[in-house]
Amino acid sequence: MARSIAATLLALLVVAPGHHVLPQSATQPGTRIRADQWHLRYLKADVANSIAQGDGVLVAVPDTGVSPHPDLRHNLLSGTSTIPGVTGDGRDDKNSHGTGMAGLIAAHGQEDGTGAVGIAPRAKILPIQSSGANNTGRPDDLAAGIEFAIAHHAAVISISSSGVSSPALVRAVRAALSADIVVVAAAGNRPEDGYVGYPASESGVIAVGGVDRVGEHASVSVSGPEIDVAAPAVDIYSTSYDGKYSKGTGTSSATAIVAGAAALIRSKYPNLPAQEVAHRLTATAVDKGPPGRDDQYGYGVIDLVAALTADVPPLGFESSNVTPPASAEAAPDKGADSSATVRGLATLGVLVVAGGGYVFWRRRRRADDPPPRVGR
């Protein structure tokens, strides 16, 4: 064959924007960026960081690469590129998206108290360049990035992309879950996405939706029965390439924030299995919308402090006011529509491609599940 199916898909990718670098003339100094990071105050990150800061936790970020920003460089390790024909150690980002996600997870700011700060400012970032500077990526390149994260013993994998699955990607995601890694993935962004994409739709992956500045469902966030938790997703400020800063809106940012929360939990409870980390996040989430789990918020908006301090019975030993995740059931891939198109991988957007679908198992939870409340 002159061209592989994957190459054909890549040639047809179309990106929907949602994340941008602040122009040089408007690049805000570190003091302003810290003030603009409203999600830190909303989530009481300072209180959470008095309890845990992500020490000893490695978070893999398969994305557009991560630039060694001054607010991040002490936590940035050497990684890799999984894009065919592109070499490097992952510490190069000409798009800004990957650097922004890494900053939301583990930026440490500056010694003078300025600069961007992440949810887990002492966690380490393993950068994996699996998407190009044009914000596009292939499922198999993401799969290779996940395999690299497994081989390097990542504790958390933060996937701020959503789209089509492939056999290799499904195998990689399931291998990560089997390796006791917390996998967090973006639900997808409207209006381009109409449903929760892959890998967020995979059973065992923490699927993340978004909320706005007042904690209400963000209009950009896709809804669906696969959503587990929600986090801030609107006007989220973080790091960018060349020492700049960026602002983004979408479930990509919410995903990185939840990945930071998972890093805090794994730091405080180093022996807690990945499934229990996910359970702690859902069990302590602040219930929003209709009582119980719903398709916009999942089990609710994450609560960093409660996730680190609440008495959460382990799965299988819940009290009556805690609901464990229901078991997965078979469901067809919703990637193919009536015109036989499927979603491709996108960072902070959607990539529309032509091709076939793939059948995978996905999580289903009843809309009438009682809220997973935990005494605080």
Protein backbone atom coordinates (compact mmCIF):
# COMPACT_ATOMS: atom_id res chain seq x y z
CA MET A 1 0.00 0.00 0.00
CA ALA A 2 1.31 3.46 -0.86
CA ARG A 3 0.03 4.92 2.40
CA SER A 4 -1.01 3.36 5.69
CA ILE A 5 -4.48 3.89 7.09
CA ALA A 6 -2.97 5.90 9.94
CA ALA A 7 -1.20 8.19 7.50
CA THR A 8 -4.42 8.73 5.61
CA LEU A 9 -6.23 9.63 8.81
CA LEU A 10 -3.51 12.08 9.78
CA ALA A 11 -3.78 13.83 6.44
CA LEU A 12 -7.46 14.50 7.06
CA LEU A 13 -7.24 15.90 10.57
CA VAL A 14 -8.99 19.20 11.25
CA VAL A 15 -8.31 21.04 14.50
CA ALA A 16 -10.75 23.06 16.57
CA PRO A 17 -8.85 25.62 18.69
CA GLY A 18 -9.32 26.27 22.39
CA HIS A 19 -5.93 27.15 23.84
CA HIS A 20 -3.66 30.07 22.99
CA VAL A 21 -0.39 31.66 24.01
CA LEU A 22 -0.66 35.18 25.33
CA PRO A 23 1.01 37.47 22.74
CA GLN A 24 4.46 38.75 23.58
CA SER A 25 3.15 42.29 24.03
CA ALA A 26 0.54 40.99 26.43
CA THR A 27 2.62 38.34 28.16
CA GLN A 28 1.75 38.77 31.79
CA PRO A 29 4.40 38.81 34.51
CA GLY A 30 4.46 36.06 37.08
CA THR A 31 2.58 38.09 39.67
CA ARG A 32 -0.36 38.63 37.33
CA ILE A 33 -0.44 34.99 36.23
CA ARG A 34 -0.62 33.80 39.83
CA ALA A 35 -3.54 36.15 40.42
CA ASP A 36 -5.26 34.92 37.25
CA GLN A 37 -5.09 31.28 38.32
CA TRP A 38 -8.57 31.40 39.82
CA HIS A 39 -8.87 27.63 39.84
CA LEU A 40 -6.28 27.42 42.63
CA ARG A 41 -8.42 29.49 44.96
CA TYR A 42 -11.61 27.76 43.89
CA LEU A 43 -10.12 24.35 44.73
CA LYS A 44 -8.35 25.56 47.91
CA ALA A 45 -5.07 24.33 46.49
CA ASP A 46 -3.07 26.13 49.17
CA VAL A 47 -4.78 24.11 51.89
CA ALA A 48 -4.31 20.89 49.92
CA ASN A 49 -0.63 21.69 49.43
CA SER A 50 -0.18 22.08 53.16
CA ILE A 51 -1.06 18.37 53.28
CA ALA A 52 0.64 17.03 50.13
CA GLN A 53 2.51 18.47 47.16
CA GLY A 54 3.11 15.47 44.94
CA ASP A 55 6.51 14.40 46.27
CA GLY A 56 7.71 11.14 44.78
CA VAL A 57 5.04 10.98 42.07
CA LEU A 58 5.83 10.78 38.35
CA VAL A 59 3.15 12.10 36.00
CA ALA A 60 3.44 11.28 32.30
CA VAL A 61 2.11 13.90 29.88
CA PRO A 62 1.69 12.59 26.32
CA ASP A 63 0.97 15.77 24.40
CA THR A 64 2.76 18.30 22.17
CA GLY A 65 5.92 18.18 24.28
CA VAL A 66 6.85 20.28 27.31
CA SER A 67 9.10 23.32 27.16
CA PRO A 68 11.49 23.90 30.12
CA HIS A 69 9.62 26.92 31.43
CA PRO A 70 11.21 28.72 34.43
CA ASP A 71 8.12 27.87 36.49
CA LEU A 72 8.41 24.18 35.63
CA ARG A 73 11.97 23.25 34.76
CA HIS A 74 12.94 21.82 38.17
CA ASN A 75 10.20 19.22 37.87
CA LEU A 76 10.71 18.41 34.19
CA LEU A 77 12.51 15.16 33.39
CA SER A 78 13.83 13.82 30.10
CA GLY A 79 11.17 12.01 28.09
CA THR A 80 10.73 11.05 24.45
CA SER A 81 8.99 11.67 21.15
CA THR A 82 6.77 8.97 19.67
CA ILE A 83 6.01 10.83 16.44
CA PRO A 84 7.58 9.00 13.48
CA GLY A 85 10.55 10.93 12.17
CA VAL A 86 10.69 13.27 15.16
CA THR A 87 13.54 12.75 17.61
CA GLY A 88 14.06 14.33 21.01
CA ASP A 89 13.48 13.89 24.70
CA GLY A 90 10.04 15.50 24.86
CA ARG A 91 11.35 18.81 26.23
CA ASP A 92 10.38 20.79 23.17
CA ASP A 93 6.98 22.32 22.51
CA LYS A 94 6.17 24.56 19.58
CA ASN A 95 2.43 24.46 20.24
CA SER A 96 2.13 25.43 23.95
CA HIS A 97 -0.55 22.89 24.83
CA GLY A 98 1.70 20.28 26.44
CA THR A 99 3.61 22.91 28.43
CA GLY A 100 0.31 24.33 29.65
CA MET A 101 -0.92 20.94 30.82
CA ALA A 102 2.37 20.17 32.57
CA GLY A 103 2.21 23.54 34.32
CA LEU A 104 -1.29 22.88 35.61
CA ILE A 105 -0.04 19.63 37.10
CA ALA A 106 3.36 20.51 38.52
CA ALA A 107 4.51 24.11 37.98
CA HIS A 108 6.43 25.30 41.03
CA GLY A 109 6.52 29.03 40.36
CA GLN A 110 9.43 31.26 41.33
CA GLU A 111 11.30 31.70 44.59
CA ASP A 112 9.85 35.17 44.99
CA GLY A 113 6.31 33.78 45.06
CA THR A 114 5.44 34.72 41.48
CA GLY A 115 4.80 32.58 38.43
CA ALA A 116 2.35 29.79 37.71
CA VAL A 117 1.71 27.03 40.22
CA GLY A 118 0.39 23.54 39.59
CA ILE A 119 -1.87 21.40 41.74
CA ALA A 120 1.05 19.13 42.70
CA PRO A 121 4.11 21.46 42.62
CA ARG A 122 6.59 18.78 43.67
CA ALA A 123 5.50 16.05 41.28
CA LYS A 124 7.78 15.20 38.38
CA ILE A 125 6.72 15.46 34.75
CA LEU A 126 7.65 12.85 32.14
CA PRO A 127 7.18 14.70 28.81
CA ILE A 128 6.09 12.65 25.81
CA GLN A 129 5.73 14.35 22.45
CA SER A 130 2.93 12.34 20.83
CA SER A 131 1.18 15.22 19.01
CA GLY A 132 2.65 17.71 16.57
CA ALA A 133 2.95 21.47 16.64
CA ASN A 134 -0.28 21.69 14.65
CA ASN A 135 -2.19 20.12 17.57
CA THR A 136 -2.80 16.85 15.75
CA GLY A 137 -1.90 13.33 16.70
CA ARG A 138 -2.44 9.69 15.78
CA PRO A 139 -3.88 7.06 18.11
CA ASP A 140 -0.88 4.77 17.67
CA ASP A 141 1.56 7.56 18.57
CA LEU A 142 -0.38 8.13 21.77
CA ALA A 143 -0.31 4.38 22.37
CA ALA A 144 3.48 4.39 22.07
CA GLY A 145 3.61 7.28 24.54
CA ILE A 146 1.53 5.36 27.06
CA GLU A 147 3.79 2.34 26.65
CA PHE A 148 6.80 4.60 27.34
CA ALA A 149 5.07 5.88 30.49
CA ILE A 150 4.45 2.32 31.68
CA ALA A 151 8.07 1.33 31.06
CA HIS A 152 9.25 4.35 33.07
CA HIS A 153 6.96 3.60 36.01
CA ALA A 154 4.69 6.61 35.83
CA ALA A 155 2.15 6.76 38.66
CA VAL A 156 -0.30 8.95 36.72
CA ILE A 157 -0.87 9.47 32.98
CA SER A 158 -2.62 12.71 32.01
CA ILE A 159 -4.20 12.53 28.54
CA SER A 160 -5.63 15.89 27.49
CA SER A 161 -6.91 14.61 24.17
CA SER A 162 -10.02 12.87 22.97
CA GLY A 163 -10.96 11.04 19.83
CA VAL A 164 -10.77 7.79 17.94
CA SER A 165 -9.43 4.54 19.35
CA SER A 166 -7.23 1.99 17.64
CA PRO A 167 -6.33 -1.57 18.66
CA ALA A 168 -2.87 -0.41 19.76
CA LEU A 169 -4.27 2.46 21.81
CA VAL A 170 -6.85 0.27 23.53
CA ARG A 171 -4.14 -2.27 24.41
CA ALA A 172 -1.87 0.48 25.77
CA VAL A 173 -4.57 2.08 27.92
CA ARG A 174 -5.61 -1.25 29.37
CA ALA A 175 -1.98 -2.16 29.99
CA ALA A 176 -1.53 1.08 31.94
CA LEU A 177 -4.57 0.34 34.07
CA SER A 178 -3.29 -3.20 34.67
CA ALA A 179 0.07 -1.71 35.73
CA ASP A 180 -1.67 0.20 38.56
CA ILE A 181 -1.35 3.57 36.85
CA VAL A 182 -4.01 6.24 37.32
CA VAL A 183 -5.13 7.22 33.82
CA VAL A 184 -6.98 10.54 33.49
CA ALA A 185 -8.46 11.67 30.17
CA ALA A 186 -10.47 14.57 28.73
CA ALA A 187 -14.13 14.04 27.85
CA GLY A 188 -13.99 16.32 24.80
CA ASN A 189 -15.09 19.81 23.80
CA ARG A 190 -18.27 21.13 22.26
CA PRO A 191 -19.39 22.00 19.66
CA GLU A 192 -17.00 19.76 17.75
CA ASP A 193 -17.43 16.72 20.01
CA GLY A 194 -20.88 15.33 20.59
CA TYR A 195 -19.99 12.52 22.99
CA VAL A 196 -17.22 11.38 25.33
CA GLY A 197 -14.26 10.30 23.21
CA TYR A 198 -11.51 7.76 23.69
CA PRO A 199 -9.65 7.07 25.96
CA ALA A 200 -11.99 8.80 28.46
CA SER A 201 -14.70 6.31 27.46
CA GLU A 202 -12.56 3.33 28.48
CA SER A 203 -13.68 1.61 31.68
CA GLY A 204 -11.22 2.38 34.49
CA VAL A 205 -10.04 5.68 33.00
CA ILE A 206 -11.06 8.79 34.95
CA ALA A 207 -13.18 10.77 32.47
CA VAL A 208 -13.11 14.50 33.16
CA GLY A 209 -15.72 17.14 32.37
CA GLY A 210 -15.47 20.87 33.01
CA VAL A 211 -17.00 23.63 35.11
CA ASP A 212 -16.83 27.40 34.83
CA ARG A 213 -15.71 30.05 37.33
CA VAL A 214 -18.82 29.63 39.49
CA GLY A 215 -18.73 25.86 39.49
CA GLU A 216 -21.47 25.31 36.94
CA HIS A 217 -21.24 23.01 33.93
CA ALA A 218 -19.02 24.63 31.30
CA SER A 219 -20.75 24.94 27.94
CA VAL A 220 -17.59 23.72 26.22
CA SER A 221 -17.61 20.42 28.11
CA VAL A 222 -19.06 17.28 26.56
CA SER A 223 -21.64 15.43 28.66
CA GLY A 224 -22.21 11.70 28.85
CA PRO A 225 -22.68 8.64 31.08
CA GLU A 226 -18.92 8.07 31.13
CA ILE A 227 -18.09 11.30 33.00
CA ASP A 228 -16.58 10.60 36.44
CA VAL A 229 -15.67 14.02 37.82
CA ALA A 230 -15.49 17.66 36.78
CA ALA A 231 -12.88 20.36 37.34
CA PRO A 232 -12.28 24.00 36.29
CA ALA A 233 -12.12 24.33 32.51
CA VAL A 234 -12.72 28.00 31.64
CA ASP A 235 -10.06 30.74 31.35
CA ILE A 236 -7.34 28.55 32.83
CA TYR A 237 -3.92 30.22 32.95
CA SER A 238 -0.71 28.21 32.84
CA THR A 239 2.80 27.99 31.41
CA SER A 240 3.77 28.12 27.73
CA TYR A 241 6.88 27.90 25.55
CA ASP A 242 9.71 30.45 25.61
CA GLY A 243 8.92 31.42 29.19
CA LYS A 244 5.51 32.77 28.21
CA TYR A 245 2.10 32.03 29.65
CA SER A 246 -1.13 30.81 28.11
CA LYS A 247 -4.88 30.76 28.64
CA GLY A 248 -7.08 27.85 27.73
CA THR A 249 -10.71 26.79 27.88
CA GLY A 250 -11.69 23.14 27.57
CA THR A 251 -11.63 19.76 29.20
CA SER A 252 -7.90 19.48 28.49
CA SER A 253 -7.19 21.89 31.34
CA ALA A 254 -9.69 20.17 33.62
CA THR A 255 -7.96 16.86 32.94
CA ALA A 256 -4.53 18.17 33.89
CA ILE A 257 -5.99 19.59 37.11
CA VAL A 258 -7.52 16.21 38.00
CA ALA A 259 -4.21 14.51 37.16
CA GLY A 260 -2.57 16.88 39.65
CA ALA A 261 -5.17 15.87 42.22
CA ALA A 262 -4.37 12.21 41.59
CA ALA A 263 -0.68 13.01 42.11
CA LEU A 264 -1.48 14.57 45.50
CA ILE A 265 -3.39 11.46 46.57
CA ARG A 266 -0.63 9.12 45.40
CA SER A 267 1.89 11.27 47.26
CA LYS A 268 0.02 11.13 50.56
CA TYR A 269 -1.12 7.52 50.14
CA PRO A 270 1.77 5.88 48.24
CA ASN A 271 0.44 2.35 48.74
CA LEU A 272 -3.08 3.13 47.55
CA PRO A 273 -3.95 1.22 44.34
CA ALA A 274 -4.91 3.26 41.29
CA GLN A 275 -8.50 2.09 41.47
CA GLU A 276 -8.73 3.37 45.03
CA VAL A 277 -7.23 6.72 43.98
CA ALA A 278 -10.04 7.07 41.46
CA HIS A 279 -12.56 6.00 44.08
CA ARG A 280 -11.27 8.59 46.53
CA LEU A 281 -11.69 11.31 43.89
CA THR A 282 -15.27 10.32 43.06
CA ALA A 283 -16.30 9.58 46.64
CA THR A 284 -15.20 12.99 47.89
CA ALA A 285 -16.40 15.03 44.92
CA VAL A 286 -18.89 17.83 45.61
CA ASP A 287 -22.21 16.72 44.18
CA LYS A 288 -23.63 19.12 41.59
CA GLY A 289 -26.69 19.15 39.37
CA PRO A 290 -29.35 16.48 40.05
CA PRO A 291 -28.67 14.45 43.21
CA GLY A 292 -26.25 11.65 42.51
CA ARG A 293 -24.19 10.94 39.43
CA ASP A 294 -25.21 12.81 36.31
CA ASP A 295 -23.95 13.21 32.77
CA GLN A 296 -22.57 16.76 33.20
CA TYR A 297 -20.63 16.56 36.47
CA GLY A 298 -20.23 12.83 36.93
CA TYR A 299 -19.97 12.29 40.68
CA GLY A 300 -19.26 15.99 41.16
CA VAL A 301 -16.52 18.62 41.19
CA ILE A 302 -13.25 17.44 42.69
CA ASP A 303 -12.49 18.50 46.27
CA LEU A 304 -8.72 18.45 46.83
CA VAL A 305 -8.82 18.80 50.58
CA ALA A 306 -11.51 16.17 51.11
CA ALA A 307 -9.72 13.78 48.75
CA LEU A 308 -6.65 14.02 50.98
CA THR A 309 -8.35 13.98 54.37
CA ALA A 310 -11.75 12.27 54.24
CA ASP A 311 -12.31 8.83 55.72
CA VAL A 312 -13.11 6.91 52.55
CA PRO A 313 -13.92 3.21 52.97
CA PRO A 314 -12.14 1.12 50.33
CA LEU A 315 -14.02 -0.34 47.41
CA GLY A 316 -16.08 -3.30 48.55
CA PHE A 317 -16.33 -1.97 52.12
CA GLU A 318 -18.32 1.20 51.56
CA SER A 319 -20.76 2.54 54.09
CA SER A 320 -24.30 3.21 52.91
CA ASN A 321 -23.48 6.76 51.88
CA VAL A 322 -20.67 5.85 49.49
CA THR A 323 -21.33 4.39 46.06
CA PRO A 324 -18.67 2.34 44.27
CA PRO A 325 -18.31 2.50 40.48
CA ALA A 326 -20.64 0.12 38.68
CA SER A 327 -19.16 -2.65 36.56
CA ALA A 328 -18.49 -2.00 32.91
CA GLU A 329 -20.72 -3.35 30.18
CA ALA A 330 -20.24 -3.86 26.48
CA ALA A 331 -21.11 -1.03 24.16
CA PRO A 332 -20.38 -0.33 20.52
CA ASP A 333 -17.95 2.37 19.55
CA LYS A 334 -19.82 5.60 18.88
CA GLY A 335 -16.93 6.83 16.75
CA ALA A 336 -18.69 6.03 13.49
CA ASP A 337 -21.63 8.14 12.40
CA SER A 338 -23.99 7.80 9.46
CA SER A 339 -21.38 9.08 7.06
CA ALA A 340 -18.76 6.62 8.36
CA THR A 341 -16.55 9.26 9.95
CA VAL A 342 -14.75 8.90 13.25
CA ARG A 343 -13.11 11.24 15.70
CA GLY A 344 -9.38 11.65 15.67
CA LEU A 345 -7.20 12.62 18.59
CA ALA A 346 -7.22 16.28 19.54
CA THR A 347 -5.55 18.39 22.16
CA LEU A 348 -7.99 21.00 23.43
CA GLY A 349 -10.12 20.47 20.39
CA VAL A 350 -11.40 17.86 18.02
CA LEU A 351 -9.88 16.19 14.99
CA VAL A 352 -12.31 14.96 12.38
CA VAL A 353 -11.09 12.05 10.28
CA ALA A 354 -12.43 9.56 7.78
CA GLY A 355 -12.27 5.86 8.49
CA GLY A 356 -13.75 3.03 10.50
CA GLY A 357 -14.60 2.45 14.13
CA TYR A 358 -13.42 0.08 16.81
CA VAL A 359 -15.42 -1.76 19.43
CA PHE A 360 -14.33 -1.38 23.04
CA TRP A 361 -15.72 -1.75 26.53
CA ARG A 362 -16.93 1.41 28.14
CA ARG A 363 -18.23 2.43 31.52
CA ARG A 364 -21.96 2.80 32.08
CA ARG A 365 -23.37 4.24 35.26
CA ARG A 366 -26.99 4.72 36.17
CA ALA A 367 -28.21 8.29 36.27
CA ASP A 368 -30.12 7.48 39.47
CA ASP A 369 -27.04 6.38 41.42
CA PRO A 370 -27.13 7.99 44.89
CA PRO A 371 -24.51 10.67 45.49
CA PRO A 372 -21.18 9.19 46.72
CA ARG A 373 -21.03 11.37 49.82
CA VAL A 374 -18.41 10.94 52.51
CA GLY A 375 -18.52 12.49 55.96
CA ARG A 376 -16.00 15.31 56.31
